[in-house]
Each structure stands twice: as structure tokens, then as C-alpha cells.
């Protein structure tokens, strides 16, 4: 069962997304789960559930085209247990949740892992300036 404070922090992360991002998100559902399933770990090619904090499943917006209508919504799953295990205090928890949510939404827009890493680096640099 997902804790209420975790759920609120995920919701806050969504609420605080830039409006231009929120307006472009569609056909997507966000789910919260305690831990990844074996099937999710296999799809993500990860052996340990402690390393999977979030998972995007779907067809990225930049891949949509003819013949791709009537699909189920894309799915972003955020995993509470591994995120909590990586943090030591409430502020770290809030920051990590925000980063994981942002990371998975970037996949929704078609960014691969390398591109998301570069975007995250730029975001951190911009926040420091």
C-alpha cells in the first residue's frame, strides 16, 4: 500500500511541472506501486528491484503517426520502496520523487536514457545559476 505522504509528493511533482509540459501530456496514466514486479524488471532489463525507481511504458509522442490510434494510454509507474531506500530525509525524498517523475515524463516525449541524462544535467546546472 502506497503511503499518503508519498502519494502527495508525487502529485505535487506533477502539479509543479511547467504548464507548457502539462498541456502537451496526453493519453498517459501515472501509477504508484510499492515495488516493481518481476515482469517490469525484465522489461526494463534490470536484475534488482532496488534500482528501478520509475518505469515508462508506451509509445513516445515523437513516435506517433498514422495507424497508431486507439492505443491504451502510456503508463508511468513510480515505485515507492526503492525511492525511499535511496533517501535519508524528507527533503531528499521530495527531490528524488520530482526527478523520477520528470525523468519518466521525458521518456513520454521520446527522449532516450542518454538524452534524459543530458537534460537532467542541464536542469541541475540551470538551477545552480
C-alpha atoms as a PDB file:
ATOM      1  CA  UNK A   1       0.000   0.000   0.000  1.00  0.00           C
ATOM      2  CA  UNK A   2       1.362   3.393  -1.001  1.00  0.00           C
ATOM      3  CA  UNK A   3       1.836   5.845   1.854  1.00  0.00           C
ATOM      4  CA  UNK A   4      -0.209   9.011   1.801  1.00  0.00           C
ATOM      5  CA  UNK A   5       2.807  11.324   2.058  1.00  0.00           C
ATOM      6  CA  UNK A   6       4.486   9.615  -0.915  1.00  0.00           C
ATOM      7  CA  UNK A   7       1.342   9.981  -2.999  1.00  0.00           C
ATOM      8  CA  UNK A   8       1.117  13.681  -2.092  1.00  0.00           C
ATOM      9  CA  UNK A   9       4.740  14.269  -3.108  1.00  0.00           C
ATOM     10  CA  UNK A  10       4.174  12.606  -6.480  1.00  0.00           C
ATOM     11  CA  UNK A  11       1.050  14.700  -7.023  1.00  0.00           C
ATOM     12  CA  UNK A  12       2.967  17.837  -6.053  1.00  0.00           C
ATOM     13  CA  UNK A  13       5.671  16.933  -8.602  1.00  0.00           C
ATOM     14  CA  UNK A  14       3.023  16.752 -11.324  1.00  0.00           C
ATOM     15  CA  UNK A  15       1.374  19.978 -10.215  1.00  0.00           C
ATOM     16  CA  UNK A  16       4.708  21.798 -10.283  1.00  0.00           C
ATOM     17  CA  UNK A  17       5.565  20.798 -13.849  1.00  0.00           C
ATOM     18  CA  UNK A  18       5.780  23.740 -16.244  1.00  0.00           C
ATOM     19  CA  UNK A  19       2.382  24.487 -17.804  1.00  0.00           C
ATOM     20  CA  UNK A  20       3.746  24.015 -21.337  1.00  0.00           C
ATOM     21  CA  UNK A  21       4.736  20.440 -20.422  1.00  0.00           C
ATOM     22  CA  UNK A  22       1.405  19.638 -18.753  1.00  0.00           C
ATOM     23  CA  UNK A  23      -0.505  20.915 -21.781  1.00  0.00           C
ATOM     24  CA  UNK A  24       1.357  18.533 -24.091  1.00  0.00           C
ATOM     25  CA  UNK A  25       0.929  15.431 -21.942  1.00  0.00           C
ATOM     26  CA  UNK A  26      -1.916  13.282 -23.154  1.00  0.00           C
ATOM     27  CA  UNK A  27      -3.006   9.671 -23.303  1.00  0.00           C
ATOM     28  CA  UNK A  28      -0.945   8.890 -20.206  1.00  0.00           C
ATOM     29  CA  UNK A  29      -1.677   7.475 -16.774  1.00  0.00           C
ATOM     30  CA  UNK A  30       0.575   7.676 -13.722  1.00  0.00           C
ATOM     31  CA  UNK A  31       0.543   4.767 -11.287  1.00  0.00           C
ATOM     32  CA  UNK A  32       2.167   4.310  -7.897  1.00  0.00           C
ATOM     33  CA  UNK A  33       3.362   0.911  -6.766  1.00  0.00           C
ATOM     34  CA  UNK A  34       5.352  -0.275  -3.796  1.00  0.00           C
ATOM     35  CA  UNK A  35       7.953  -2.183  -5.835  1.00  0.00           C
ATOM     36  CA  UNK A  36       8.462  -3.262  -9.436  1.00  0.00           C
ATOM     37  CA  UNK A  37       7.168  -6.664 -10.483  1.00  0.00           C
ATOM     38  CA  UNK A  38       9.445  -9.313 -11.981  1.00  0.00           C
ATOM     39  CA  UNK A  39       7.849  -8.602 -15.360  1.00  0.00           C
ATOM     40  CA  UNK A  40       8.597  -4.870 -15.069  1.00  0.00           C
ATOM     41  CA  UNK A  41      12.191  -5.583 -14.079  1.00  0.00           C
ATOM     42  CA  UNK A  42      12.561  -7.908 -17.050  1.00  0.00           C
ATOM     43  CA  UNK A  43      11.118  -5.318 -19.472  1.00  0.00           C
ATOM     44  CA  UNK A  44      13.492  -2.698 -18.056  1.00  0.00           C
ATOM     45  CA  UNK A  45      16.404  -5.175 -18.249  1.00  0.00           C
ATOM     46  CA  UNK A  46      17.189  -4.666 -14.564  1.00  0.00           C
ATOM     47  CA  UNK A  47      18.029  -7.519 -12.209  1.00  0.00           C
ATOM     48  CA  UNK A  48      17.342  -5.810  -8.875  1.00  0.00           C
ATOM     49  CA  UNK A  49      14.126  -4.039  -7.917  1.00  0.00           C
ATOM     50  CA  UNK A  50      16.151  -1.639  -5.770  1.00  0.00           C
ATOM     51  CA  UNK A  51      17.489   0.025  -8.911  1.00  0.00           C
ATOM     52  CA  UNK A  52      14.205   0.701 -10.689  1.00  0.00           C
ATOM     53  CA  UNK A  53      12.638   3.899  -9.371  1.00  0.00           C
ATOM     54  CA  UNK A  54      10.208   4.551 -12.207  1.00  0.00           C
ATOM     55  CA  UNK A  55       9.151   2.987 -15.475  1.00  0.00           C
ATOM     56  CA  UNK A  56       7.680   4.415 -18.669  1.00  0.00           C
ATOM     57  CA  UNK A  57       5.698   2.025 -20.847  1.00  0.00           C
ATOM     58  CA  UNK A  58       4.097   3.168 -24.070  1.00  0.00           C
ATOM     59  CA  UNK A  59       4.641   4.816 -27.406  1.00  0.00           C
ATOM     60  CA  UNK A  60       6.528   8.105 -27.064  1.00  0.00           C
ATOM     61  CA  UNK A  61       4.876  11.190 -28.519  1.00  0.00           C
ATOM     62  CA  UNK A  62       7.604  11.569 -31.143  1.00  0.00           C
ATOM     63  CA  UNK A  63       6.856   8.051 -32.471  1.00  0.00           C
ATOM     64  CA  UNK A  64       3.145   8.604 -33.003  1.00  0.00           C
ATOM     65  CA  UNK A  65       1.971   8.570 -36.580  1.00  0.00           C
ATOM     66  CA  UNK A  66      -0.506   7.014 -38.931  1.00  0.00           C
ATOM     67  CA  UNK A  67      -2.021   3.785 -37.761  1.00  0.00           C
ATOM     68  CA  UNK A  68      -1.241   4.377 -34.103  1.00  0.00           C
ATOM     69  CA  UNK A  69      -4.691   5.488 -32.984  1.00  0.00           C
ATOM     70  CA  UNK A  70      -6.878   3.755 -30.409  1.00  0.00           C
ATOM     71  CA  UNK A  71      -3.971   2.706 -28.193  1.00  0.00           C
ATOM     72  CA  UNK A  72      -4.186   2.228 -24.473  1.00  0.00           C
ATOM     73  CA  UNK A  73      -2.722   5.147 -22.532  1.00  0.00           C
ATOM     74  CA  UNK A  74       1.004   5.260 -21.927  1.00  0.00           C
ATOM     75  CA  UNK A  75       1.860   4.289 -18.367  1.00  0.00           C
ATOM     76  CA  UNK A  76       4.334   5.780 -15.946  1.00  0.00           C
ATOM     77  CA  UNK A  77       4.847   3.828 -12.747  1.00  0.00           C
ATOM     78  CA  UNK A  78       6.665   5.312  -9.757  1.00  0.00           C
ATOM     79  CA  UNK A  79       7.984   2.817  -7.180  1.00  0.00           C
ATOM     80  CA  UNK A  80       7.873   3.883  -3.538  1.00  0.00           C
ATOM     81  CA  UNK A  81      10.095   1.313  -1.817  1.00  0.00           C
ATOM     82  CA  UNK A  82      13.264   1.748  -3.906  1.00  0.00           C
ATOM     83  CA  UNK A  83      12.895   5.539  -3.818  1.00  0.00           C
ATOM     84  CA  UNK A  84      12.529   5.559  -0.036  1.00  0.00           C
ATOM     85  CA  UNK A  85      15.528   3.235   0.292  1.00  0.00           C
ATOM     86  CA  UNK A  86      17.675   5.744  -1.619  1.00  0.00           C
ATOM     87  CA  UNK A  87      16.803   8.701   0.614  1.00  0.00           C
ATOM     88  CA  UNK A  88      17.592   9.547   4.219  1.00  0.00           C
ATOM     89  CA  UNK A  89      15.323  12.506   4.908  1.00  0.00           C
ATOM     90  CA  UNK A  90      12.082  14.129   3.699  1.00  0.00           C
ATOM     91  CA  UNK A  91      13.836  16.761   1.558  1.00  0.00           C
ATOM     92  CA  UNK A  92      15.859  14.114  -0.305  1.00  0.00           C
ATOM     93  CA  UNK A  93      12.649  12.132  -0.807  1.00  0.00           C
ATOM     94  CA  UNK A  94      10.869  15.135  -2.297  1.00  0.00           C
ATOM     95  CA  UNK A  95      13.775  15.914  -4.649  1.00  0.00           C
ATOM     96  CA  UNK A  96      14.188  12.308  -5.801  1.00  0.00           C
ATOM     97  CA  UNK A  97      10.465  11.892  -6.479  1.00  0.00           C
ATOM     98  CA  UNK A  98      10.480  15.094  -8.532  1.00  0.00           C
ATOM     99  CA  UNK A  99      13.497  13.852 -10.528  1.00  0.00           C
ATOM    100  CA  UNK A 100      11.991  10.410 -11.168  1.00  0.00           C
ATOM    101  CA  UNK A 101       8.657  11.863 -12.289  1.00  0.00           C
ATOM    102  CA  UNK A 102      10.439  14.322 -14.597  1.00  0.00           C
ATOM    103  CA  UNK A 103      12.681  11.521 -15.954  1.00  0.00           C
ATOM    104  CA  UNK A 104       9.757   9.267 -16.865  1.00  0.00           C
ATOM    105  CA  UNK A 105       7.788  12.132 -18.424  1.00  0.00           C
ATOM    106  CA  UNK A 106      10.825  12.887 -20.603  1.00  0.00           C
ATOM    107  CA  UNK A 107      10.527   9.320 -21.930  1.00  0.00           C
ATOM    108  CA  UNK A 108       6.864  10.045 -22.749  1.00  0.00           C
ATOM    109  CA  UNK A 109       8.110  12.832 -25.003  1.00  0.00           C
ATOM    110  CA  UNK A 110      10.548  10.482 -26.739  1.00  0.00           C
ATOM    111  CA  UNK A 111      13.849  11.120 -25.002  1.00  0.00           C
ATOM    112  CA  UNK A 112      16.055   8.032 -24.573  1.00  0.00           C
ATOM    113  CA  UNK A 113      18.213   7.406 -21.481  1.00  0.00           C
ATOM    114  CA  UNK A 114      21.232   9.284 -22.844  1.00  0.00           C
ATOM    115  CA  UNK A 115      19.128  12.295 -23.835  1.00  0.00           C
ATOM    116  CA  UNK A 116      17.322  12.297 -20.467  1.00  0.00           C
ATOM    117  CA  UNK A 117      20.699  12.212 -18.693  1.00  0.00           C
ATOM    118  CA  UNK A 118      21.851  15.258 -20.686  1.00  0.00           C
ATOM    119  CA  UNK A 119      18.581  17.094 -19.973  1.00  0.00           C
ATOM    120  CA  UNK A 120      18.898  16.332 -16.254  1.00  0.00           C
ATOM    121  CA  UNK A 121      22.464  17.630 -16.251  1.00  0.00           C
ATOM    122  CA  UNK A 122      21.296  20.843 -17.925  1.00  0.00           C
ATOM    123  CA  UNK A 123      18.403  21.250 -15.459  1.00  0.00           C
ATOM    124  CA  UNK A 124      20.769  20.892 -12.477  1.00  0.00           C
ATOM    125  CA  UNK A 125      23.221  23.387 -13.995  1.00  0.00           C
ATOM    126  CA  UNK A 126      20.399  25.868 -14.703  1.00  0.00           C
ATOM    127  CA  UNK A 127      19.129  25.607 -11.111  1.00  0.00           C
ATOM    128  CA  UNK A 128      22.588  26.452  -9.750  1.00  0.00           C
ATOM    129  CA  UNK A 129      22.904  29.615 -11.845  1.00  0.00           C
END
